[in-house]
Amino acid sequence: AKQMQLLKGESAFWANRNGLTKNGLEWADKYFAASVSNDKI
């Protein structure tokens, strides 16, 4: 959750501060995370 916050939250803040989209960038609240075994990377 913290790692996602650091990536998702900061990227939306950055995009909006820099006016990259007309109506702003907002991420959905949810995300999906899964582990991956070495043989599937």
Full PDB file with SEQRES, HELIX, SHEET, SSBOND, CRYST1, ORIGX, SCALE, CONECT and MASTER records, all heavy atoms in Angstrom:
SEQRES   1 A   41  ALA LYS GLN MET GLN LEU LEU LYS GLY GLU SER ALA PHE          
SEQRES   2 A   41  TRP ALA ASN ARG ASN GLY LEU THR LYS ASN GLY LEU GLU          
SEQRES   3 A   41  TRP ALA ASP LYS TYR PHE ALA ALA SER VAL SER ASN ASP          
SEQRES   4 A   41  LYS ILE                                                      
HELIX    1 AA1 LYS A    2  MET A    4  1                                   3    
HELIX    2 AA2 GLN A    5  GLY A    9  3                                   5    
HELIX    3 AA3 GLU A   10  ARG A   17  1                                   8    
HELIX    4 AA4 ASN A   38  LYS A   40  5                                   3    
CRYST1    1.000    1.000    1.000  90.00  90.00  90.00 P 1           1          
ORIGX1      1.000000  0.000000  0.000000        0.00000                         
ORIGX2      0.000000  1.000000  0.000000        0.00000                         
ORIGX3      0.000000  0.000000  1.000000        0.00000                         
SCALE1      1.000000  0.000000  0.000000        0.00000                         
SCALE2      0.000000  1.000000  0.000000        0.00000                         
SCALE3      0.000000  0.000000  1.000000        0.00000                         
ATOM      1  N   ALA A   1       0.832  -1.213   0.000  1.00  0.00           N  
ATOM      2  CA  ALA A   1       0.000   0.000   0.000  1.00  0.00           C  
ATOM      3  C   ALA A   1       0.868   1.266   0.000  1.00  0.00           C  
ATOM      4  O   ALA A   1       0.592   2.216  -0.739  1.00  0.00           O  
ATOM      5  CB  ALA A   1      -0.943  -0.002   1.189  1.00  0.00           C  
ATOM      6  N   LYS A   2       1.916   1.294   0.792  1.00  0.00           N  
ATOM      7  CA  LYS A   2       2.778   2.477   0.856  1.00  0.00           C  
ATOM      8  C   LYS A   2       3.540   2.664  -0.457  1.00  0.00           C  
ATOM      9  O   LYS A   2       3.648   3.788  -0.971  1.00  0.00           O  
ATOM     10  CB  LYS A   2       3.763   2.366   2.031  1.00  0.00           C  
ATOM     11  CG  LYS A   2       4.638   3.579   2.209  1.00  0.00           C  
ATOM     12  CD  LYS A   2       3.816   4.816   2.523  1.00  0.00           C  
ATOM     13  CE  LYS A   2       4.711   6.022   2.768  1.00  0.00           C  
ATOM     14  NZ  LYS A   2       3.937   7.243   3.007  1.00  0.00           N  
ATOM     15  N   GLN A   3       4.035   1.581  -1.016  1.00  0.00           N  
ATOM     16  CA  GLN A   3       4.761   1.686  -2.275  1.00  0.00           C  
ATOM     17  C   GLN A   3       3.836   2.183  -3.385  1.00  0.00           C  
ATOM     18  O   GLN A   3       4.224   3.028  -4.193  1.00  0.00           O  
ATOM     19  CB  GLN A   3       5.389   0.336  -2.641  1.00  0.00           C  
ATOM     20  CG  GLN A   3       6.421   0.426  -3.723  1.00  0.00           C  
ATOM     21  CD  GLN A   3       7.419  -0.709  -3.702  1.00  0.00           C  
ATOM     22  OE1 GLN A   3       7.969  -1.036  -2.653  1.00  0.00           O  
ATOM     23  NE2 GLN A   3       7.656  -1.300  -4.849  1.00  0.00           N  
ATOM     24  N   MET A   4       2.611   1.693  -3.400  1.00  0.00           N  
ATOM     25  CA  MET A   4       1.639   2.155  -4.387  1.00  0.00           C  
ATOM     26  C   MET A   4       1.327   3.635  -4.188  1.00  0.00           C  
ATOM     27  O   MET A   4       1.218   4.393  -5.144  1.00  0.00           O  
ATOM     28  CB  MET A   4       0.365   1.315  -4.327  1.00  0.00           C  
ATOM     29  CG  MET A   4       0.566  -0.125  -4.770  1.00  0.00           C  
ATOM     30  SD  MET A   4       1.191  -0.279  -6.451  1.00  0.00           S  
ATOM     31  CE  MET A   4      -0.187   0.352  -7.366  1.00  0.00           C  
ATOM     32  N   GLN A   5       1.180   4.054  -2.947  1.00  0.00           N  
ATOM     33  CA  GLN A   5       0.915   5.466  -2.662  1.00  0.00           C  
ATOM     34  C   GLN A   5       2.060   6.340  -3.183  1.00  0.00           C  
ATOM     35  O   GLN A   5       1.820   7.388  -3.785  1.00  0.00           O  
ATOM     36  CB  GLN A   5       0.748   5.675  -1.164  1.00  0.00           C  
ATOM     37  CG  GLN A   5       0.564   7.130  -0.776  1.00  0.00           C  
ATOM     38  CD  GLN A   5       0.695   7.362   0.720  1.00  0.00           C  
ATOM     39  OE1 GLN A   5       1.020   6.453   1.482  1.00  0.00           O  
ATOM     40  NE2 GLN A   5       0.443   8.569   1.140  1.00  0.00           N  
ATOM     41  N   LEU A   6       3.276   5.896  -2.961  1.00  0.00           N  
ATOM     42  CA  LEU A   6       4.432   6.673  -3.408  1.00  0.00           C  
ATOM     43  C   LEU A   6       4.476   6.810  -4.933  1.00  0.00           C  
ATOM     44  O   LEU A   6       4.926   7.830  -5.450  1.00  0.00           O  
ATOM     45  CB  LEU A   6       5.731   6.027  -2.913  1.00  0.00           C  
ATOM     46  CG  LEU A   6       5.983   6.118  -1.413  1.00  0.00           C  
ATOM     47  CD1 LEU A   6       7.180   5.252  -1.030  1.00  0.00           C  
ATOM     48  CD2 LEU A   6       6.179   7.556  -0.966  1.00  0.00           C  
ATOM     49  N   LEU A   7       4.002   5.804  -5.641  1.00  0.00           N  
ATOM     50  CA  LEU A   7       4.026   5.858  -7.106  1.00  0.00           C  
ATOM     51  C   LEU A   7       2.760   6.483  -7.678  1.00  0.00           C  
ATOM     52  O   LEU A   7       2.837   7.389  -8.506  1.00  0.00           O  
ATOM     53  CB  LEU A   7       4.238   4.453  -7.676  1.00  0.00           C  
ATOM     54  CG  LEU A   7       5.559   3.785  -7.293  1.00  0.00           C  
ATOM     55  CD1 LEU A   7       5.634   2.392  -7.893  1.00  0.00           C  
ATOM     56  CD2 LEU A   7       6.756   4.622  -7.694  1.00  0.00           C  
ATOM     57  N   LYS A   8       1.605   5.998  -7.252  1.00  0.00           N  
ATOM     58  CA  LYS A   8       0.347   6.514  -7.794  1.00  0.00           C  
ATOM     59  C   LYS A   8       0.100   7.961  -7.383  1.00  0.00           C  
ATOM     60  O   LYS A   8      -0.144   8.820  -8.221  1.00  0.00           O  
ATOM     61  CB  LYS A   8      -0.843   5.680  -7.286  1.00  0.00           C  
ATOM     62  CG  LYS A   8      -1.065   4.377  -7.975  1.00  0.00           C  
ATOM     63  CD  LYS A   8      -2.210   3.590  -7.342  1.00  0.00           C  
ATOM     64  CE  LYS A   8      -3.508   4.334  -7.346  1.00  0.00           C  
ATOM     65  NZ  LYS A   8      -4.598   3.603  -6.688  1.00  0.00           N  
ATOM     66  N   GLY A   9       0.138   8.208  -6.094  1.00  0.00           N  
ATOM     67  CA  GLY A   9      -0.200   9.536  -5.583  1.00  0.00           C  
ATOM     68  C   GLY A   9       0.733  10.610  -6.091  1.00  0.00           C  
ATOM     69  O   GLY A   9       0.298  11.674  -6.553  1.00  0.00           O  
ATOM     70  N   GLU A  10       2.013  10.333  -6.068  1.00  0.00           N  
ATOM     71  CA  GLU A  10       2.985  11.327  -6.505  1.00  0.00           C  
ATOM     72  C   GLU A  10       2.859  11.591  -7.995  1.00  0.00           C  
ATOM     73  O   GLU A  10       2.981  12.727  -8.438  1.00  0.00           O  
ATOM     74  CB  GLU A  10       4.402  10.854  -6.155  1.00  0.00           C  
ATOM     75  CG  GLU A  10       5.465  11.944  -6.271  1.00  0.00           C  
ATOM     76  CD  GLU A  10       5.883  12.240  -7.703  1.00  0.00           C  
ATOM     77  OE1 GLU A  10       5.748  11.372  -8.589  1.00  0.00           O  
ATOM     78  OE2 GLU A  10       6.368  13.366  -7.940  1.00  0.00           O  
ATOM     79  N   SER A  11       2.582  10.546  -8.784  1.00  0.00           N  
ATOM     80  CA  SER A  11       2.505  10.746 -10.238  1.00  0.00           C  
ATOM     81  C   SER A  11       1.295  11.587 -10.634  1.00  0.00           C  
ATOM     82  O   SER A  11       1.385  12.422 -11.533  1.00  0.00           O  
ATOM     83  CB  SER A  11       2.506   9.410 -10.981  1.00  0.00           C  
ATOM     84  OG  SER A  11       1.380   8.621 -10.650  1.00  0.00           O  
ATOM     85  N   ALA A  12       0.166  11.405  -9.957  1.00  0.00           N  
ATOM     86  CA  ALA A  12      -1.013  12.231 -10.240  1.00  0.00           C  
ATOM     87  C   ALA A  12      -0.738  13.680  -9.830  1.00  0.00           C  
ATOM     88  O   ALA A  12      -1.064  14.615 -10.572  1.00  0.00           O  
ATOM     89  CB  ALA A  12      -2.238  11.686  -9.522  1.00  0.00           C  
ATOM     90  N   PHE A  13      -0.130  13.866  -8.665  1.00  0.00           N  
ATOM     91  CA  PHE A  13       0.222  15.219  -8.202  1.00  0.00           C  
ATOM     92  C   PHE A  13       1.132  15.902  -9.224  1.00  0.00           C  
ATOM     93  O   PHE A  13       0.903  17.043  -9.619  1.00  0.00           O  
ATOM     94  CB  PHE A  13       0.903  15.146  -6.829  1.00  0.00           C  
ATOM     95  CG  PHE A  13       1.385  16.471  -6.334  1.00  0.00           C  
ATOM     96  CD1 PHE A  13       0.499  17.379  -5.761  1.00  0.00           C  
ATOM     97  CD2 PHE A  13       2.717  16.830  -6.455  1.00  0.00           C  
ATOM     98  CE1 PHE A  13       0.943  18.622  -5.314  1.00  0.00           C  
ATOM     99  CE2 PHE A  13       3.167  18.069  -6.019  1.00  0.00           C  
ATOM    100  CZ  PHE A  13       2.278  18.961  -5.451  1.00  0.00           C  
ATOM    101  N   TRP A  14       2.151  15.198  -9.682  1.00  0.00           N  
ATOM    102  CA  TRP A  14       3.099  15.737 -10.653  1.00  0.00           C  
ATOM    103  C   TRP A  14       2.398  16.094 -11.963  1.00  0.00           C  
ATOM    104  O   TRP A  14       2.601  17.181 -12.508  1.00  0.00           O  
ATOM    105  CB  TRP A  14       4.217  14.712 -10.889  1.00  0.00           C  
ATOM    106  CG  TRP A  14       5.096  15.040 -12.044  1.00  0.00           C  
ATOM    107  CD1 TRP A  14       6.153  15.905 -12.065  1.00  0.00           C  
ATOM    108  CD2 TRP A  14       4.976  14.517 -13.370  1.00  0.00           C  
ATOM    109  NE1 TRP A  14       6.701  15.947 -13.333  1.00  0.00           N  
ATOM    110  CE2 TRP A  14       6.001  15.094 -14.143  1.00  0.00           C  
ATOM    111  CE3 TRP A  14       4.117  13.613 -13.978  1.00  0.00           C  
ATOM    112  CZ2 TRP A  14       6.176  14.799 -15.489  1.00  0.00           C  
ATOM    113  CZ3 TRP A  14       4.295  13.315 -15.318  1.00  0.00           C  
ATOM    114  CH2 TRP A  14       5.311  13.906 -16.055  1.00  0.00           C  
ATOM    115  N   ALA A  15       1.587  15.174 -12.493  1.00  0.00           N  
ATOM    116  CA  ALA A  15       0.891  15.412 -13.766  1.00  0.00           C  
ATOM    117  C   ALA A  15      -0.028  16.627 -13.667  1.00  0.00           C  
ATOM    118  O   ALA A  15      -0.085  17.450 -14.586  1.00  0.00           O  
ATOM    119  CB  ALA A  15       0.098  14.176 -14.177  1.00  0.00           C  
ATOM    120  N   ASN A  16      -0.723  16.753 -12.557  1.00  0.00           N  
ATOM    121  CA  ASN A  16      -1.654  17.874 -12.394  1.00  0.00           C  
ATOM    122  C   ASN A  16      -0.922  19.195 -12.158  1.00  0.00           C  
ATOM    123  O   ASN A  16      -1.326  20.233 -12.681  1.00  0.00           O  
ATOM    124  CB  ASN A  16      -2.645  17.566 -11.278  1.00  0.00           C  
ATOM    125  CG  ASN A  16      -3.547  16.405 -11.657  1.00  0.00           C  
ATOM    126  OD1 ASN A  16      -3.845  16.183 -12.823  1.00  0.00           O  
ATOM    127  ND2 ASN A  16      -3.950  15.633 -10.673  1.00  0.00           N  
ATOM    128  N   ARG A  17       0.146  19.150 -11.407  1.00  0.00           N  
ATOM    129  CA  ARG A  17       0.945  20.361 -11.173  1.00  0.00           C  
ATOM    130  C   ARG A  17       1.513  20.884 -12.495  1.00  0.00           C  
ATOM    131  O   ARG A  17       1.638  22.085 -12.701  1.00  0.00           O  
ATOM    132  CB  ARG A  17       2.080  20.059 -10.184  1.00  0.00           C  
ATOM    133  CG  ARG A  17       2.917  21.299  -9.844  1.00  0.00           C  
ATOM    134  CD  ARG A  17       4.104  20.985  -8.947  1.00  0.00           C  
ATOM    135  NE  ARG A  17       5.068  20.211  -9.714  1.00  0.00           N  
ATOM    136  CZ  ARG A  17       5.722  19.152  -9.276  1.00  0.00           C  
ATOM    137  NH1 ARG A  17       5.530  18.704  -8.056  1.00  0.00           N  
ATOM    138  NH2 ARG A  17       6.571  18.514 -10.038  1.00  0.00           N  
ATOM    139  N   ASN A  18       1.825  19.969 -13.401  1.00  0.00           N  
ATOM    140  CA  ASN A  18       2.403  20.345 -14.690  1.00  0.00           C  
ATOM    141  C   ASN A  18       1.374  20.490 -15.808  1.00  0.00           C  
ATOM    142  O   ASN A  18       1.745  20.711 -16.960  1.00  0.00           O  
ATOM    143  CB  ASN A  18       3.486  19.334 -15.089  1.00  0.00           C  
ATOM    144  CG  ASN A  18       4.719  19.498 -14.229  1.00  0.00           C  
ATOM    145  OD1 ASN A  18       5.433  20.480 -14.335  1.00  0.00           O  
ATOM    146  ND2 ASN A  18       4.931  18.547 -13.329  1.00  0.00           N  
ATOM    147  N   GLY A  19       0.084  20.377 -15.465  1.00  0.00           N  
ATOM    148  CA  GLY A  19      -0.980  20.595 -16.436  1.00  0.00           C  
ATOM    149  C   GLY A  19      -0.935  19.656 -17.634  1.00  0.00           C  
ATOM    150  O   GLY A  19      -1.200  20.075 -18.761  1.00  0.00           O  
ATOM    151  N   LEU A  20      -0.620  18.407 -17.406  1.00  0.00           N  
ATOM    152  CA  LEU A  20      -0.465  17.466 -18.515  1.00  0.00           C  
ATOM    153  C   LEU A  20      -1.782  17.008 -19.133  1.00  0.00           C  
ATOM    154  O   LEU A  20      -1.784  16.502 -20.247  1.00  0.00           O  
ATOM    155  CB  LEU A  20       0.335  16.241 -18.061  1.00  0.00           C  
ATOM    156  CG  LEU A  20       1.768  16.513 -17.611  1.00  0.00           C  
ATOM    157  CD1 LEU A  20       2.473  15.199 -17.297  1.00  0.00           C  
ATOM    158  CD2 LEU A  20       2.548  17.292 -18.664  1.00  0.00           C  
ATOM    159  N   THR A  21      -2.876  17.162 -18.402  1.00  0.00           N  
ATOM    160  CA  THR A  21      -4.185  16.777 -18.947  1.00  0.00           C  
ATOM    161  C   THR A  21      -5.157  17.930 -18.784  1.00  0.00           C  
ATOM    162  O   THR A  21      -5.027  18.744 -17.867  1.00  0.00           O  
ATOM    163  CB  THR A  21      -4.769  15.532 -18.242  1.00  0.00           C  
ATOM    164  OG1 THR A  21      -5.011  15.851 -16.879  1.00  0.00           O  
ATOM    165  CG2 THR A  21      -3.828  14.345 -18.340  1.00  0.00           C  
ATOM    166  N   LYS A  22      -6.140  17.964 -19.653  1.00  0.00           N  
ATOM    167  CA  LYS A  22      -7.129  19.043 -19.631  1.00  0.00           C  
ATOM    168  C   LYS A  22      -7.925  19.055 -18.331  1.00  0.00           C  
ATOM    169  O   LYS A  22      -8.126  20.102 -17.723  1.00  0.00           O  
ATOM    170  CB  LYS A  22      -8.064  18.870 -20.829  1.00  0.00           C  
ATOM    171  CG  LYS A  22      -9.099  19.943 -20.979  1.00  0.00           C  
ATOM    172  CD  LYS A  22      -9.937  19.721 -22.215  1.00  0.00           C  
ATOM    173  CE  LYS A  22     -11.003  20.797 -22.330  1.00  0.00           C  
ATOM    174  NZ  LYS A  22     -11.827  20.603 -23.520  1.00  0.00           N  
ATOM    175  N   ASN A  23      -8.378  17.888 -17.906  1.00  0.00           N  
ATOM    176  CA  ASN A  23      -9.224  17.796 -16.711  1.00  0.00           C  
ATOM    177  C   ASN A  23      -8.524  17.172 -15.514  1.00  0.00           C  
ATOM    178  O   ASN A  23      -9.169  16.802 -14.545  1.00  0.00           O  
ATOM    179  CB  ASN A  23     -10.494  17.002 -17.038  1.00  0.00           C  
ATOM    180  CG  ASN A  23     -11.331  17.706 -18.082  1.00  0.00           C  
ATOM    181  OD1 ASN A  23     -11.497  18.913 -18.033  1.00  0.00           O  
ATOM    182  ND2 ASN A  23     -11.841  16.954 -19.041  1.00  0.00           N  
ATOM    183  N   GLY A  24      -7.231  17.038 -15.572  1.00  0.00           N  
ATOM    184  CA  GLY A  24      -6.483  16.465 -14.465  1.00  0.00           C  
ATOM    185  C   GLY A  24      -6.386  14.953 -14.556  1.00  0.00           C  
ATOM    186  O   GLY A  24      -7.204  14.293 -15.190  1.00  0.00           O  
ATOM    187  N   LEU A  25      -5.359  14.415 -13.932  1.00  0.00           N  
ATOM    188  CA  LEU A  25      -5.153  12.972 -13.867  1.00  0.00           C  
ATOM    189  C   LEU A  25      -5.542  12.488 -12.483  1.00  0.00           C  
ATOM    190  O   LEU A  25      -5.016  12.983 -11.478  1.00  0.00           O  
ATOM    191  CB  LEU A  25      -3.690  12.619 -14.148  1.00  0.00           C  
ATOM    192  CG  LEU A  25      -3.294  11.155 -13.946  1.00  0.00           C  
ATOM    193  CD1 LEU A  25      -4.065  10.243 -14.908  1.00  0.00           C  
ATOM    194  CD2 LEU A  25      -1.792  10.981 -14.139  1.00  0.00           C  
ATOM    195  N   GLU A  26      -6.475  11.573 -12.445  1.00  0.00           N  
ATOM    196  CA  GLU A  26      -6.848  10.936 -11.188  1.00  0.00           C  
ATOM    197  C   GLU A  26      -6.756   9.437 -11.380  1.00  0.00           C  
ATOM    198  O   GLU A  26      -7.225   8.899 -12.383  1.00  0.00           O  
ATOM    199  CB  GLU A  26      -8.286  11.272 -10.794  1.00  0.00           C  
ATOM    200  CG  GLU A  26      -8.483  12.655 -10.239  1.00  0.00           C  
ATOM    201  CD  GLU A  26      -9.897  12.834  -9.724  1.00  0.00           C  
ATOM    202  OE1 GLU A  26     -10.209  12.292  -8.643  1.00  0.00           O  
ATOM    203  OE2 GLU A  26     -10.681  13.489 -10.425  1.00  0.00           O  
ATOM    204  N   TRP A  27      -6.148   8.763 -10.407  1.00  0.00           N  
ATOM    205  CA  TRP A  27      -6.084   7.310 -10.428  1.00  0.00           C  
ATOM    206  C   TRP A  27      -7.266   6.757  -9.643  1.00  0.00           C  
ATOM    207  O   TRP A  27      -7.718   7.368  -8.681  1.00  0.00           O  
ATOM    208  CB  TRP A  27      -4.788   6.814  -9.789  1.00  0.00           C  
ATOM    209  CG  TRP A  27      -3.529   7.227 -10.480  1.00  0.00           C  
ATOM    210  CD1 TRP A  27      -2.518   7.956  -9.945  1.00  0.00           C  
ATOM    211  CD2 TRP A  27      -3.125   6.908 -11.811  1.00  0.00           C  
ATOM    212  NE1 TRP A  27      -1.512   8.122 -10.856  1.00  0.00           N  
ATOM    213  CE2 TRP A  27      -1.859   7.486 -12.014  1.00  0.00           C  
ATOM    214  CE3 TRP A  27      -3.713   6.203 -12.865  1.00  0.00           C  
ATOM    215  CZ2 TRP A  27      -1.166   7.370 -13.216  1.00  0.00           C  
ATOM    216  CZ3 TRP A  27      -3.015   6.088 -14.062  1.00  0.00           C  
ATOM    217  CH2 TRP A  27      -1.768   6.658 -14.230  1.00  0.00           C  
ATOM    218  N   ALA A  28      -7.726   5.587 -10.037  1.00  0.00           N  
ATOM    219  CA  ALA A  28      -8.750   4.879  -9.267  1.00  0.00           C  
ATOM    220  C   ALA A  28      -8.178   4.543  -7.893  1.00  0.00           C  
ATOM    221  O   ALA A  28      -6.960   4.417  -7.726  1.00  0.00           O  
ATOM    222  CB  ALA A  28      -9.167   3.602  -9.996  1.00  0.00           C  
ATOM    223  N   ASP A  29      -9.045   4.394  -6.913  1.00  0.00           N  
ATOM    224  CA  ASP A  29      -8.591   4.069  -5.560  1.00  0.00           C  
ATOM    225  C   ASP A  29      -7.965   2.682  -5.480  1.00  0.00           C  
ATOM    226  O   ASP A  29      -7.018   2.465  -4.741  1.00  0.00           O  
ATOM    227  CB  ASP A  29      -9.755   4.149  -4.572  1.00  0.00           C  
ATOM    228  CG  ASP A  29     -10.260   5.571  -4.389  1.00  0.00           C  
ATOM    229  OD1 ASP A  29      -9.472   6.521  -4.587  1.00  0.00           O  
ATOM    230  OD2 ASP A  29     -11.438   5.729  -4.055  1.00  0.00           O  
ATOM    231  N   LYS A  30      -8.503   1.746  -6.237  1.00  0.00           N  
ATOM    232  CA  LYS A  30      -8.049   0.358  -6.155  1.00  0.00           C  
ATOM    233  C   LYS A  30      -6.859   0.111  -7.078  1.00  0.00           C  
ATOM    234  O   LYS A  30      -6.611   0.854  -8.012  1.00  0.00           O  
ATOM    235  CB  LYS A  30      -9.182  -0.593  -6.552  1.00  0.00           C  
ATOM    236  CG  LYS A  30     -10.352  -0.555  -5.588  1.00  0.00           C  
ATOM    237  CD  LYS A  30     -11.413  -1.533  -6.036  1.00  0.00           C  
ATOM    238  CE  LYS A  30     -12.600  -1.516  -5.094  1.00  0.00           C  
ATOM    239  NZ  LYS A  30     -13.621  -2.490  -5.515  1.00  0.00           N  
ATOM    240  N   TYR A  31      -6.152  -0.959  -6.778  1.00  0.00           N  
ATOM    241  CA  TYR A  31      -5.068  -1.430  -7.626  1.00  0.00           C  
ATOM    242  C   TYR A  31      -5.000  -2.943  -7.472  1.00  0.00           C  
ATOM    243  O   TYR A  31      -5.619  -3.517  -6.575  1.00  0.00           O  
ATOM    244  CB  TYR A  31      -3.722  -0.784  -7.255  1.00  0.00           C  
ATOM    245  CG  TYR A  31      -3.310  -1.010  -5.824  1.00  0.00           C  
ATOM    246  CD1 TYR A  31      -2.620  -2.154  -5.448  1.00  0.00           C  
ATOM    247  CD2 TYR A  31      -3.630  -0.084  -4.832  1.00  0.00           C  
ATOM    248  CE1 TYR A  31      -2.253  -2.372  -4.126  1.00  0.00           C  
ATOM    249  CE2 TYR A  31      -3.270  -0.288  -3.520  1.00  0.00           C  
ATOM    250  CZ  TYR A  31      -2.581  -1.432  -3.168  1.00  0.00           C  
ATOM    251  OH  TYR A  31      -2.232  -1.645  -1.866  1.00  0.00           O  
ATOM    252  N   PHE A  32      -4.263  -3.594  -8.354  1.00  0.00           N  
ATOM    253  CA  PHE A  32      -4.088  -5.041  -8.295  1.00  0.00           C  
ATOM    254  C   PHE A  32      -2.607  -5.327  -8.180  1.00  0.00           C  
ATOM    255  O   PHE A  32      -1.802  -4.773  -8.923  1.00  0.00           O  
ATOM    256  CB  PHE A  32      -4.649  -5.693  -9.566  1.00  0.00           C  
ATOM    257  CG  PHE A  32      -4.411  -7.174  -9.623  1.00  0.00           C  
ATOM    258  CD1 PHE A  32      -5.248  -8.041  -8.957  1.00  0.00           C  
ATOM    259  CD2 PHE A  32      -3.343  -7.689 -10.338  1.00  0.00           C  
ATOM    260  CE1 PHE A  32      -5.032  -9.410  -8.997  1.00  0.00           C  
ATOM    261  CE2 PHE A  32      -3.116  -9.053 -10.390  1.00  0.00           C  
ATOM    262  CZ  PHE A  32      -3.964  -9.919  -9.718  1.00  0.00           C  
ATOM    263  N   ALA A  33      -2.240  -6.180  -7.232  1.00  0.00           N  
ATOM    264  CA  ALA A  33      -0.848  -6.575  -7.057  1.00  0.00           C  
ATOM    265  C   ALA A  33      -0.780  -8.089  -6.911  1.00  0.00           C  
ATOM    266  O   ALA A  33      -1.643  -8.692  -6.266  1.00  0.00           O  
ATOM    267  CB  ALA A  33      -0.261  -5.898  -5.813  1.00  0.00           C  
ATOM    268  N   ALA A  34       0.218  -8.677  -7.522  1.00  0.00           N  
ATOM    269  CA  ALA A  34       0.434 -10.119  -7.419  1.00  0.00           C  
ATOM    270  C   ALA A  34       1.926 -10.397  -7.472  1.00  0.00           C  
ATOM    271  O   ALA A  34       2.686  -9.642  -8.088  1.00  0.00           O  
ATOM    272  CB  ALA A  34      -0.275 -10.849  -8.561  1.00  0.00           C  
ATOM    273  N   SER A  35       2.335 -11.458  -6.844  1.00  0.00           N  
ATOM    274  CA  SER A  35       3.739 -11.860  -6.945  1.00  0.00           C  
ATOM    275  C   SER A  35       3.918 -12.680  -8.222  1.00  0.00           C  
ATOM    276  O   SER A  35       2.962 -13.248  -8.750  1.00  0.00           O  
ATOM    277  CB  SER A  35       4.162 -12.666  -5.717  1.00  0.00           C  
ATOM    278  OG  SER A  35       3.380 -13.841  -5.615  1.00  0.00           O  
ATOM    279  N   VAL A  36       5.143 -12.707  -8.706  1.00  0.00           N  
ATOM    280  CA  VAL A  36       5.454 -13.430  -9.935  1.00  0.00           C  
ATOM    281  C   VAL A  36       6.640 -14.347  -9.652  1.00  0.00           C  
ATOM    282  O   VAL A  36       7.665 -13.894  -9.134  1.00  0.00           O  
ATOM    283  CB  VAL A  36       5.828 -12.451 -11.075  1.00  0.00           C  
ATOM    284  CG1 VAL A  36       6.182 -13.212 -12.339  1.00  0.00           C  
ATOM    285  CG2 VAL A  36       4.721 -11.449 -11.324  1.00  0.00           C  
ATOM    286  N   SER A  37       6.502 -15.615 -10.003  1.00  0.00           N  
ATOM    287  CA  SER A  37       7.615 -16.542  -9.812  1.00  0.00           C  
ATOM    288  C   SER A  37       8.688 -16.277 -10.865  1.00  0.00           C  
ATOM    289  O   SER A  37       8.406 -15.767 -11.950  1.00  0.00           O  
ATOM    290  CB  SER A  37       7.134 -17.991  -9.881  1.00  0.00           C  
ATOM    291  OG  SER A  37       6.602 -18.265 -11.156  1.00  0.00           O  
ATOM    292  N   ASN A  38       9.924 -16.613 -10.527  1.00  0.00           N  
ATOM    293  CA  ASN A  38      11.048 -16.344 -11.426  1.00  0.00           C  
ATOM    294  C   ASN A  38      10.853 -16.944 -12.812  1.00  0.00           C  
ATOM    295  O   ASN A  38      11.255 -16.333 -13.802  1.00  0.00           O  
ATOM    296  CB  ASN A  38      12.354 -16.868 -10.824  1.00  0.00           C  
ATOM    297  CG  ASN A  38      12.854 -15.998  -9.695  1.00  0.00           C  
ATOM    298  OD1 ASN A  38      12.487 -14.832  -9.595  1.00  0.00           O  
ATOM    299  ND2 ASN A  38      13.683 -16.560  -8.837  1.00  0.00           N  
ATOM    300  N   ASP A  39      10.228 -18.104 -12.900  1.00  0.00           N  
ATOM    301  CA  ASP A  39      10.073 -18.735 -14.208  1.00  0.00           C  
ATOM    302  C   ASP A  39       8.984 -18.089 -15.059  1.00  0.00           C  
ATOM    303  O   ASP A  39       8.824 -18.440 -16.228  1.00  0.00           O  
ATOM    304  CB  ASP A  39       9.839 -20.241 -14.067  1.00  0.00           C  
ATOM    305  CG  ASP A  39       8.555 -20.592 -13.349  1.00  0.00           C  
ATOM    306  OD1 ASP A  39       8.107 -19.820 -12.482  1.00  0.00           O  
ATOM    307  OD2 ASP A  39       7.989 -21.667 -13.661  1.00  0.00           O  
ATOM    308  N   LYS A  40       8.245 -17.131 -14.518  1.00  0.00           N  
ATOM    309  CA  LYS A  40       7.193 -16.430 -15.269  1.00  0.00           C  
ATOM    310  C   LYS A  40       7.530 -14.966 -15.555  1.00  0.00           C  
ATOM    311  O   LYS A  40       6.764 -14.274 -16.220  1.00  0.00           O  
ATOM    312  CB  LYS A  40       5.864 -16.482 -14.508  1.00  0.00           C  
ATOM    313  CG  LYS A  40       5.371 -17.871 -14.190  1.00  0.00           C  
ATOM    314  CD  LYS A  40       5.015 -18.638 -15.426  1.00  0.00           C  
ATOM    315  CE  LYS A  40       4.408 -19.982 -15.041  1.00  0.00           C  
ATOM    316  NZ  LYS A  40       4.650 -21.017 -16.011  1.00  0.00           N  
ATOM    317  N   ILE A  41       8.655 -14.498 -15.066  1.00  0.00           N  
ATOM    318  CA  ILE A  41       8.996 -13.078 -15.215  1.00  0.00           C  
ATOM    319  C   ILE A  41       9.074 -12.663 -16.681  1.00  0.00           C  
ATOM    320  O   ILE A  41       8.581 -11.599 -17.059  1.00  0.00           O  
ATOM    321  CB  ILE A  41      10.292 -12.725 -14.457  1.00  0.00           C  
ATOM    322  CG1 ILE A  41       9.999 -12.722 -12.958  1.00  0.00           C  
ATOM    323  CG2 ILE A  41      10.845 -11.369 -14.892  1.00  0.00           C  
ATOM    324  CD1 ILE A  41      11.192 -12.437 -12.088  1.00  0.00           C  
TER     325      ILE A  41                                                      
MASTER        0    0    0    4    0    0    0    6  324    1    0    4          
END                                                                             
